[in-house]
């Protein structure tokens, strides 16, 4: 069974990209953490926008 490819998500406020393959080391999020598995209180590490403010990014 193959794993789905890593996805990226774009902050609609500042343009920061959350890359599932890279995670968010500054927030203690390990590489390989899927966006849907981020805590609900996770925020953009640059501008503080809530997780809901991110959109899928090609």
PDB file of N, CA and C in Angstrom:
ATOM      1  N   UNK A   1       0.846  -1.177   0.000  1.00  0.00           N
ATOM      2  CA  UNK A   1       0.000   0.000   0.000  1.00  0.00           C
ATOM      3  C   UNK A   1       0.896   1.247   0.000  1.00  0.00           C
ATOM      4  N   UNK A   2       0.718   2.112  -0.966  1.00  0.00           N
ATOM      5  CA  UNK A   2       1.544   3.317  -1.040  1.00  0.00           C
ATOM      6  C   UNK A   2       0.876   4.462  -0.298  1.00  0.00           C
ATOM      7  N   UNK A   3       1.704   5.322   0.243  1.00  0.00           N
ATOM      8  CA  UNK A   3       1.198   6.474   0.986  1.00  0.00           C
ATOM      9  C   UNK A   3       0.907   7.609   0.020  1.00  0.00           C
ATOM     10  N   UNK A   4      -0.127   8.377   0.317  1.00  0.00           N
ATOM     11  CA  UNK A   4      -0.479   9.530  -0.514  1.00  0.00           C
ATOM     12  C   UNK A   4       0.693  10.509  -0.515  1.00  0.00           C
ATOM     13  N   UNK A   5       0.878  11.231  -1.604  1.00  0.00           N
ATOM     14  CA  UNK A   5       1.977  12.196  -1.658  1.00  0.00           C
ATOM     15  C   UNK A   5       1.784  13.316  -0.635  1.00  0.00           C
ATOM     16  N   UNK A   6       2.912  13.895  -0.216  1.00  0.00           N
ATOM     17  CA  UNK A   6       2.851  15.021   0.718  1.00  0.00           C
ATOM     18  C   UNK A   6       2.163  16.184   0.047  1.00  0.00           C
ATOM     19  N   UNK A   7       1.432  16.947   0.820  1.00  0.00           N
ATOM     20  CA  UNK A   7       0.734  18.129   0.319  1.00  0.00           C
ATOM     21  C   UNK A   7       1.297  19.376   0.973  1.00  0.00           C
ATOM     22  N   UNK A   8       0.958  20.514   0.376  1.00  0.00           N
ATOM     23  CA  UNK A   8       1.346  21.807   0.918  1.00  0.00           C
ATOM     24  C   UNK A   8       0.085  22.646   1.094  1.00  0.00           C
ATOM     25  N   UNK A   9       0.132  23.537   2.092  1.00  0.00           N
ATOM     26  CA  UNK A   9      -1.007  24.401   2.393  1.00  0.00           C
ATOM     27  C   UNK A   9      -0.507  25.830   2.547  1.00  0.00           C
ATOM     28  N   UNK A  10      -1.261  26.773   1.988  1.00  0.00           N
ATOM     29  CA  UNK A  10      -0.878  28.172   1.933  1.00  0.00           C
ATOM     30  C   UNK A  10      -1.682  29.006   2.928  1.00  0.00           C
ATOM     31  N   UNK A  11      -0.977  29.824   3.708  1.00  0.00           N
ATOM     32  CA  UNK A  11      -1.650  30.748   4.616  1.00  0.00           C
ATOM     33  C   UNK A  11      -2.266  31.860   3.784  1.00  0.00           C
ATOM     34  N   UNK A  12      -3.574  32.055   3.927  1.00  0.00           N
ATOM     35  CA  UNK A  12      -4.268  33.060   3.120  1.00  0.00           C
ATOM     36  C   UNK A  12      -3.944  34.484   3.563  1.00  0.00           C
ATOM     37  N   UNK A  13      -3.326  34.636   4.718  1.00  0.00           N
ATOM     38  CA  UNK A  13      -2.990  35.964   5.217  1.00  0.00           C
ATOM     39  C   UNK A  13      -1.600  36.415   4.766  1.00  0.00           C
ATOM     40  N   UNK A  14      -0.582  35.575   4.977  1.00  0.00           N
ATOM     41  CA  UNK A  14       0.787  36.024   4.712  1.00  0.00           C
ATOM     42  C   UNK A  14       1.518  35.247   3.619  1.00  0.00           C
ATOM     43  N   UNK A  15       0.927  34.150   3.152  1.00  0.00           N
ATOM     44  CA  UNK A  15       1.560  33.393   2.071  1.00  0.00           C
ATOM     45  C   UNK A  15       2.549  32.329   2.531  1.00  0.00           C
ATOM     46  N   UNK A  16       2.671  32.109   3.834  1.00  0.00           N
ATOM     47  CA  UNK A  16       3.542  31.047   4.332  1.00  0.00           C
ATOM     48  C   UNK A  16       2.991  29.702   3.883  1.00  0.00           C
ATOM     49  N   UNK A  17       3.875  28.788   3.524  1.00  0.00           N
ATOM     50  CA  UNK A  17       3.466  27.459   3.074  1.00  0.00           C
ATOM     51  C   UNK A  17       3.800  26.430   4.150  1.00  0.00           C
ATOM     52  N   UNK A  18       2.804  25.645   4.558  1.00  0.00           N
ATOM     53  CA  UNK A  18       3.035  24.496   5.430  1.00  0.00           C
ATOM     54  C   UNK A  18       3.232  23.293   4.521  1.00  0.00           C
ATOM     55  N   UNK A  19       4.402  22.679   4.596  1.00  0.00           N
ATOM     56  CA  UNK A  19       4.748  21.509   3.794  1.00  0.00           C
ATOM     57  C   UNK A  19       4.712  20.289   4.710  1.00  0.00           C
ATOM     58  N   UNK A  20       3.820  19.344   4.427  1.00  0.00           N
ATOM     59  CA  UNK A  20       3.686  18.155   5.274  1.00  0.00           C
ATOM     60  C   UNK A  20       5.002  17.398   5.389  1.00  0.00           C
ATOM     61  N   UNK A  21       5.784  17.360   4.329  1.00  0.00           N
ATOM     62  CA  UNK A  21       7.049  16.629   4.347  1.00  0.00           C
ATOM     63  C   UNK A  21       8.056  17.259   5.302  1.00  0.00           C
ATOM     64  N   UNK A  22       7.964  18.580   5.500  1.00  0.00           N
ATOM     65  CA  UNK A  22       8.923  19.302   6.342  1.00  0.00           C
ATOM     66  C   UNK A  22       8.432  19.535   7.761  1.00  0.00           C
ATOM     67  N   UNK A  23       7.115  19.578   7.967  1.00  0.00           N
ATOM     68  CA  UNK A  23       6.566  19.870   9.283  1.00  0.00           C
ATOM     69  C   UNK A  23       6.806  21.322   9.668  1.00  0.00           C
ATOM     70  N   UNK A  24       6.805  21.603  10.954  1.00  0.00           N
ATOM     71  CA  UNK A  24       7.027  22.959  11.474  1.00  0.00           C
ATOM     72  C   UNK A  24       7.873  22.825  12.737  1.00  0.00           C
ATOM     73  N   UNK A  25       9.181  22.749  12.552  1.00  0.00           N
ATOM     74  CA  UNK A  25      10.100  22.503  13.662  1.00  0.00           C
ATOM     75  C   UNK A  25       9.963  23.545  14.765  1.00  0.00           C
ATOM     76  N   UNK A  26       9.740  24.809  14.408  1.00  0.00           N
ATOM     77  CA  UNK A  26       9.623  25.872  15.407  1.00  0.00           C
ATOM     78  C   UNK A  26       8.426  25.679  16.336  1.00  0.00           C
ATOM     79  N   UNK A  27       7.413  24.963  15.843  1.00  0.00           N
ATOM     80  CA  UNK A  27       6.210  24.707  16.650  1.00  0.00           C
ATOM     81  C   UNK A  27       6.185  23.278  17.205  1.00  0.00           C
ATOM     82  N   UNK A  28       7.287  22.536  17.013  1.00  0.00           N
ATOM     83  CA  UNK A  28       7.355  21.164  17.515  1.00  0.00           C
ATOM     84  C   UNK A  28       6.594  20.156  16.675  1.00  0.00           C
ATOM     85  N   UNK A  29       6.320  20.504  15.397  1.00  0.00           N
ATOM     86  CA  UNK A  29       5.593  19.602  14.503  1.00  0.00           C
ATOM     87  C   UNK A  29       6.618  18.827  13.667  1.00  0.00           C
ATOM     88  N   UNK A  30       6.625  17.516  13.814  1.00  0.00           N
ATOM     89  CA  UNK A  30       7.618  16.673  13.156  1.00  0.00           C
ATOM     90  C   UNK A  30       7.413  16.611  11.647  1.00  0.00           C
ATOM     91  N   UNK A  31       8.509  16.444  10.894  1.00  0.00           N
ATOM     92  CA  UNK A  31       8.374  16.201   9.453  1.00  0.00           C
ATOM     93  C   UNK A  31       7.463  14.998   9.217  1.00  0.00           C
ATOM     94  N   UNK A  32       6.654  15.073   8.175  1.00  0.00           N
ATOM     95  CA  UNK A  32       5.741  13.980   7.865  1.00  0.00           C
ATOM     96  C   UNK A  32       4.391  14.094   8.548  1.00  0.00           C
ATOM     97  N   UNK A  33       4.131  15.211   9.237  1.00  0.00           N
ATOM     98  CA  UNK A  33       2.834  15.407   9.903  1.00  0.00           C
ATOM     99  C   UNK A  33       1.831  15.946   8.892  1.00  0.00           C
ATOM    100  N   UNK A  34       0.776  15.186   8.670  1.00  0.00           N
ATOM    101  CA  UNK A  34      -0.268  15.598   7.733  1.00  0.00           C
ATOM    102  C   UNK A  34      -1.001  16.825   8.280  1.00  0.00           C
ATOM    103  N   UNK A  35      -1.455  17.673   7.376  1.00  0.00           N
ATOM    104  CA  UNK A  35      -2.145  18.899   7.783  1.00  0.00           C
ATOM    105  C   UNK A  35      -3.337  18.583   8.668  1.00  0.00           C
ATOM    106  N   UNK A  36      -4.104  17.560   8.312  1.00  0.00           N
ATOM    107  CA  UNK A  36      -5.296  17.224   9.097  1.00  0.00           C
ATOM    108  C   UNK A  36      -4.932  16.709  10.493  1.00  0.00           C
ATOM    109  N   UNK A  37      -3.672  16.309  10.693  1.00  0.00           N
ATOM    110  CA  UNK A  37      -3.232  15.823  11.994  1.00  0.00           C
ATOM    111  C   UNK A  37      -2.634  16.928  12.873  1.00  0.00           C
ATOM    112  N   UNK A  38      -2.525  18.146  12.335  1.00  0.00           N
ATOM    113  CA  UNK A  38      -2.045  19.264  13.152  1.00  0.00           C
ATOM    114  C   UNK A  38      -3.066  19.548  14.243  1.00  0.00           C
ATOM    115  N   UNK A  39      -2.616  19.966  15.430  1.00  0.00           N
ATOM    116  CA  UNK A  39      -3.584  20.326  16.481  1.00  0.00           C
ATOM    117  C   UNK A  39      -4.507  21.444  15.997  1.00  0.00           C
ATOM    118  N   UNK A  40      -5.728  21.445  16.473  1.00  0.00           N
ATOM    119  CA  UNK A  40      -6.688  22.468  16.047  1.00  0.00           C
ATOM    120  C   UNK A  40      -6.242  23.872  16.447  1.00  0.00           C
ATOM    121  N   UNK A  41      -5.408  23.964  17.475  1.00  0.00           N
ATOM    122  CA  UNK A  41      -4.947  25.283  17.917  1.00  0.00           C
ATOM    123  C   UNK A  41      -3.621  25.697  17.263  1.00  0.00           C
ATOM    124  N   UNK A  42      -3.154  24.913  16.286  1.00  0.00           N
ATOM    125  CA  UNK A  42      -1.929  25.277  15.563  1.00  0.00           C
ATOM    126  C   UNK A  42      -2.184  26.561  14.783  1.00  0.00           C
ATOM    127  N   UNK A  43      -1.185  27.442  14.760  1.00  0.00           N
ATOM    128  CA  UNK A  43      -1.304  28.704  14.032  1.00  0.00           C
ATOM    129  C   UNK A  43      -0.112  28.885  13.105  1.00  0.00           C
ATOM    130  N   UNK A  44      -0.264  29.753  12.132  1.00  0.00           N
ATOM    131  CA  UNK A  44       0.821  30.087  11.220  1.00  0.00           C
ATOM    132  C   UNK A  44       2.008  30.583  12.045  1.00  0.00           C
ATOM    133  N   UNK A  45       3.189  30.013  11.837  1.00  0.00           N
ATOM    134  CA  UNK A  45       4.348  30.431  12.622  1.00  0.00           C
ATOM    135  C   UNK A  45       4.837  31.838  12.288  1.00  0.00           C
ATOM    136  N   UNK A  46       4.365  32.418  11.194  1.00  0.00           N
ATOM    137  CA  UNK A  46       4.810  33.750  10.790  1.00  0.00           C
ATOM    138  C   UNK A  46       3.839  34.831  11.255  1.00  0.00           C
ATOM    139  N   UNK A  47       2.538  34.638  10.972  1.00  0.00           N
ATOM    140  CA  UNK A  47       1.586  35.724  11.251  1.00  0.00           C
ATOM    141  C   UNK A  47       0.524  35.389  12.297  1.00  0.00           C
ATOM    142  N   UNK A  48       0.431  34.124  12.722  1.00  0.00           N
ATOM    143  CA  UNK A  48      -0.528  33.760  13.758  1.00  0.00           C
ATOM    144  C   UNK A  48      -1.926  33.419  13.271  1.00  0.00           C
ATOM    145  N   UNK A  49      -2.108  33.303  11.956  1.00  0.00           N
ATOM    146  CA  UNK A  49      -3.417  32.922  11.421  1.00  0.00           C
ATOM    147  C   UNK A  49      -3.766  31.502  11.855  1.00  0.00           C
ATOM    148  N   UNK A  50      -5.024  31.273  12.172  1.00  0.00           N
ATOM    149  CA  UNK A  50      -5.488  29.952  12.596  1.00  0.00           C
ATOM    150  C   UNK A  50      -5.362  28.934  11.468  1.00  0.00           C
ATOM    151  N   UNK A  51      -5.323  27.669  11.844  1.00  0.00           N
ATOM    152  CA  UNK A  51      -5.235  26.556  10.891  1.00  0.00           C
ATOM    153  C   UNK A  51      -6.309  26.665   9.804  1.00  0.00           C
ATOM    154  N   UNK A  52      -7.499  27.127  10.176  1.00  0.00           N
ATOM    155  CA  UNK A  52      -8.611  27.255   9.220  1.00  0.00           C
ATOM    156  C   UNK A  52      -8.302  28.259   8.120  1.00  0.00           C
ATOM    157  N   UNK A  53      -7.310  29.116   8.321  1.00  0.00           N
ATOM    158  CA  UNK A  53      -6.959  30.134   7.325  1.00  0.00           C
ATOM    159  C   UNK A  53      -5.989  29.633   6.263  1.00  0.00           C
ATOM    160  N   UNK A  54      -5.734  28.343   6.239  1.00  0.00           N
ATOM    161  CA  UNK A  54      -4.851  27.746   5.233  1.00  0.00           C
ATOM    162  C   UNK A  54      -5.661  27.052   4.154  1.00  0.00           C
ATOM    163  N   UNK A  55      -5.143  27.086   2.932  1.00  0.00           N
ATOM    164  CA  UNK A  55      -5.811  26.463   1.777  1.00  0.00           C
ATOM    165  C   UNK A  55      -4.831  25.535   1.083  1.00  0.00           C
ATOM    166  N   UNK A  56      -5.314  24.473   0.440  1.00  0.00           N
ATOM    167  CA  UNK A  56      -4.413  23.596  -0.324  1.00  0.00           C
ATOM    168  C   UNK A  56      -3.610  24.412  -1.338  1.00  0.00           C
ATOM    169  N   UNK A  57      -2.349  24.039  -1.489  1.00  0.00           N
ATOM    170  CA  UNK A  57      -1.417  24.758  -2.367  1.00  0.00           C
ATOM    171  C   UNK A  57      -0.787  23.762  -3.322  1.00  0.00           C
ATOM    172  N   UNK A  58      -0.804  24.097  -4.606  1.00  0.00           N
ATOM    173  CA  UNK A  58      -0.278  23.170  -5.617  1.00  0.00           C
ATOM    174  C   UNK A  58       1.228  23.103  -5.603  1.00  0.00           C
TER     175      UNK A  58
END
